[in-house]
Protein backbone atom coordinates (compact mmCIF):
# COMPACT_ATOMS: atom_id res chain seq x y z
CA MET A 1 -118.97 -46.48 -95.22
CA LEU A 2 -121.16 -46.07 -92.17
CA ARG A 3 -121.51 -49.32 -90.29
CA LEU A 4 -124.35 -49.52 -87.82
CA SER A 5 -124.32 -52.23 -85.21
CA LEU A 6 -126.54 -53.44 -82.41
CA HIS A 7 -125.04 -50.58 -80.37
CA ASP A 8 -126.25 -47.86 -82.77
CA TYR A 9 -129.72 -46.42 -83.17
CA ARG A 10 -130.76 -44.04 -85.93
CA ILE A 11 -133.30 -41.43 -84.83
CA VAL A 12 -134.47 -37.99 -85.86
CA ALA A 13 -133.83 -35.31 -83.26
CA LEU A 14 -134.40 -31.59 -83.23
CA LEU A 15 -131.34 -29.44 -82.47
CA GLY A 16 -130.94 -25.73 -82.07
CA LEU A 17 -129.08 -22.92 -80.39
CA ASP A 18 -132.01 -22.46 -78.04
CA LYS A 19 -135.33 -24.10 -77.19
CA LEU A 20 -137.30 -22.00 -79.64
CA SER A 21 -135.45 -22.55 -82.93
CA LEU A 22 -134.90 -26.23 -83.61
CA ASP A 23 -133.97 -27.98 -86.88
CA ALA A 24 -134.41 -31.70 -87.64
CA PHE A 25 -131.26 -33.82 -87.92
CA GLY A 26 -130.65 -37.49 -88.59
CA VAL A 27 -128.83 -38.61 -85.46
CA ILE A 28 -127.00 -41.77 -84.45
CA VAL A 29 -127.32 -42.74 -80.79
CA ASP A 30 -124.12 -44.73 -80.29
CA THR A 31 -123.76 -46.63 -77.02
CA ARG A 32 -120.04 -47.13 -77.74
CA ALA A 33 -119.24 -43.44 -78.34
CA GLY A 34 -118.11 -41.40 -75.37
CA PRO A 35 -118.66 -37.74 -76.22
CA ASN A 36 -121.43 -36.17 -78.27
CA LEU A 37 -120.20 -35.18 -81.74
CA VAL A 38 -121.48 -32.79 -84.38
CA LEU A 39 -120.10 -32.39 -87.89
CA ARG A 40 -118.84 -28.84 -88.44
CA GLY A 41 -120.45 -28.80 -91.88
CA ALA A 42 -123.84 -29.62 -90.33
CA LEU A 43 -123.83 -26.39 -88.32
CA ALA A 44 -125.63 -23.47 -89.89
CA PRO A 45 -123.29 -20.57 -90.73
CA ASP A 46 -124.78 -18.41 -87.97
CA TRP A 47 -124.08 -21.19 -85.45
CA LEU A 48 -120.34 -21.29 -86.19
CA HIS A 49 -119.62 -18.17 -84.15
CA LEU A 50 -120.68 -20.11 -81.05
CA VAL A 51 -118.01 -22.79 -81.49
CA VAL A 52 -115.55 -22.43 -78.60
CA THR A 53 -112.00 -23.63 -79.16
CA SER A 54 -109.46 -24.55 -76.53
CA LYS A 55 -106.38 -26.72 -76.13
CA GLU A 56 -108.53 -29.32 -74.33
CA GLU A 57 -110.18 -30.48 -77.56
CA GLU A 58 -106.81 -31.01 -79.20
CA GLN A 59 -105.95 -33.53 -76.48
CA VAL A 60 -109.12 -35.61 -76.94
CA ARG A 61 -108.32 -38.75 -78.94
CA LEU A 62 -111.25 -39.62 -81.18
CA GLN A 63 -111.49 -42.41 -83.73
CA ASP A 64 -114.17 -43.30 -86.25
CA SER A 65 -115.43 -46.84 -86.90
CA ASP A 66 -112.43 -47.47 -89.20
CA ASN A 67 -110.01 -46.35 -86.45
CA ALA A 68 -109.12 -43.18 -88.37
CA ARG A 69 -108.38 -40.20 -86.16
CA LEU A 70 -111.07 -37.51 -85.86
CA ARG A 71 -109.97 -33.99 -85.04
CA ALA A 72 -112.08 -31.89 -82.72
CA CYS A 73 -112.03 -28.20 -83.63
CA GLY A 74 -114.03 -26.93 -80.66
CA THR A 75 -117.20 -27.35 -78.67
CA VAL A 76 -120.68 -25.96 -79.08
CA LYS A 77 -123.69 -26.03 -76.77
CA LEU A 78 -126.85 -27.12 -78.59
CA TRP A 79 -130.35 -27.94 -77.38
CA PRO A 80 -131.42 -31.38 -78.63
CA GLN A 81 -135.03 -32.47 -78.33
CA THR A 82 -135.60 -36.20 -78.22
CA GLY A 83 -139.16 -36.87 -77.18
CA ALA A 84 -140.60 -34.21 -74.90
CA ARG A 85 -137.32 -33.26 -73.20
CA ILE A 86 -135.11 -30.36 -74.38
CA VAL A 87 -131.81 -29.93 -72.54
CA PRO A 88 -128.55 -28.08 -73.23
CA VAL A 89 -125.80 -30.47 -74.33
CA THR A 90 -122.14 -29.84 -75.14
CA PHE A 91 -120.94 -31.33 -78.42
CA LEU A 92 -117.42 -31.73 -79.74
CA VAL A 93 -117.29 -30.21 -83.23
CA VAL A 94 -115.40 -32.43 -85.68
CA GLU A 95 -114.33 -31.83 -89.27
CA ASP A 96 -114.90 -35.31 -90.70
CA LEU A 97 -117.85 -37.48 -89.70
CA LEU A 98 -120.11 -39.73 -91.78
CA VAL A 99 -123.28 -38.55 -90.03
CA PRO A 100 -124.24 -35.04 -88.91
CA VAL A 101 -124.67 -35.86 -85.21
CA ILE A 102 -123.71 -38.62 -82.79
CA LEU A 103 -125.22 -38.72 -79.34
CA GLY A 104 -122.78 -40.70 -77.21
CA ASN A 105 -122.68 -42.16 -73.73
CA THR A 106 -122.53 -38.75 -72.09
CA PHE A 107 -125.96 -37.90 -73.52
CA ILE A 108 -127.37 -41.37 -72.84
CA HIS A 109 -126.13 -41.35 -69.24
CA ASP A 110 -127.38 -37.84 -68.51
CA ASN A 111 -130.79 -38.30 -70.16
CA ALA A 112 -131.73 -41.98 -69.90
CA HIS A 113 -134.15 -41.27 -67.06
CA ALA A 114 -136.17 -39.00 -69.38
CA SER A 115 -136.89 -41.85 -71.77
CA LEU A 116 -137.89 -44.42 -69.17
CA PRO A 117 -141.58 -44.88 -68.30
């Protein structure tokens, strides 16, 4: 069960492999999550060839809201659009996630200035 708290915000964001081909995704902006996460099953088949794997991801310890371990199977660079800004962002690709995309503190920290008046 997905539990949203005061630290979570549900938004719709556009994501794509580049600035010109974006698809809409339901996204959780989670102020308690560190890295940005994308569900492997949410990636289009032609996006999967861009997933980069390395030993680094295996060492990242991720847990879901029920403290179950999440396994990262690589990283992928996607272009999210939230508002008028489109920037390249690295996401950890995970096998098991209750939502397609989580934008974590790394995204919030790097892009908060774009959402301020």
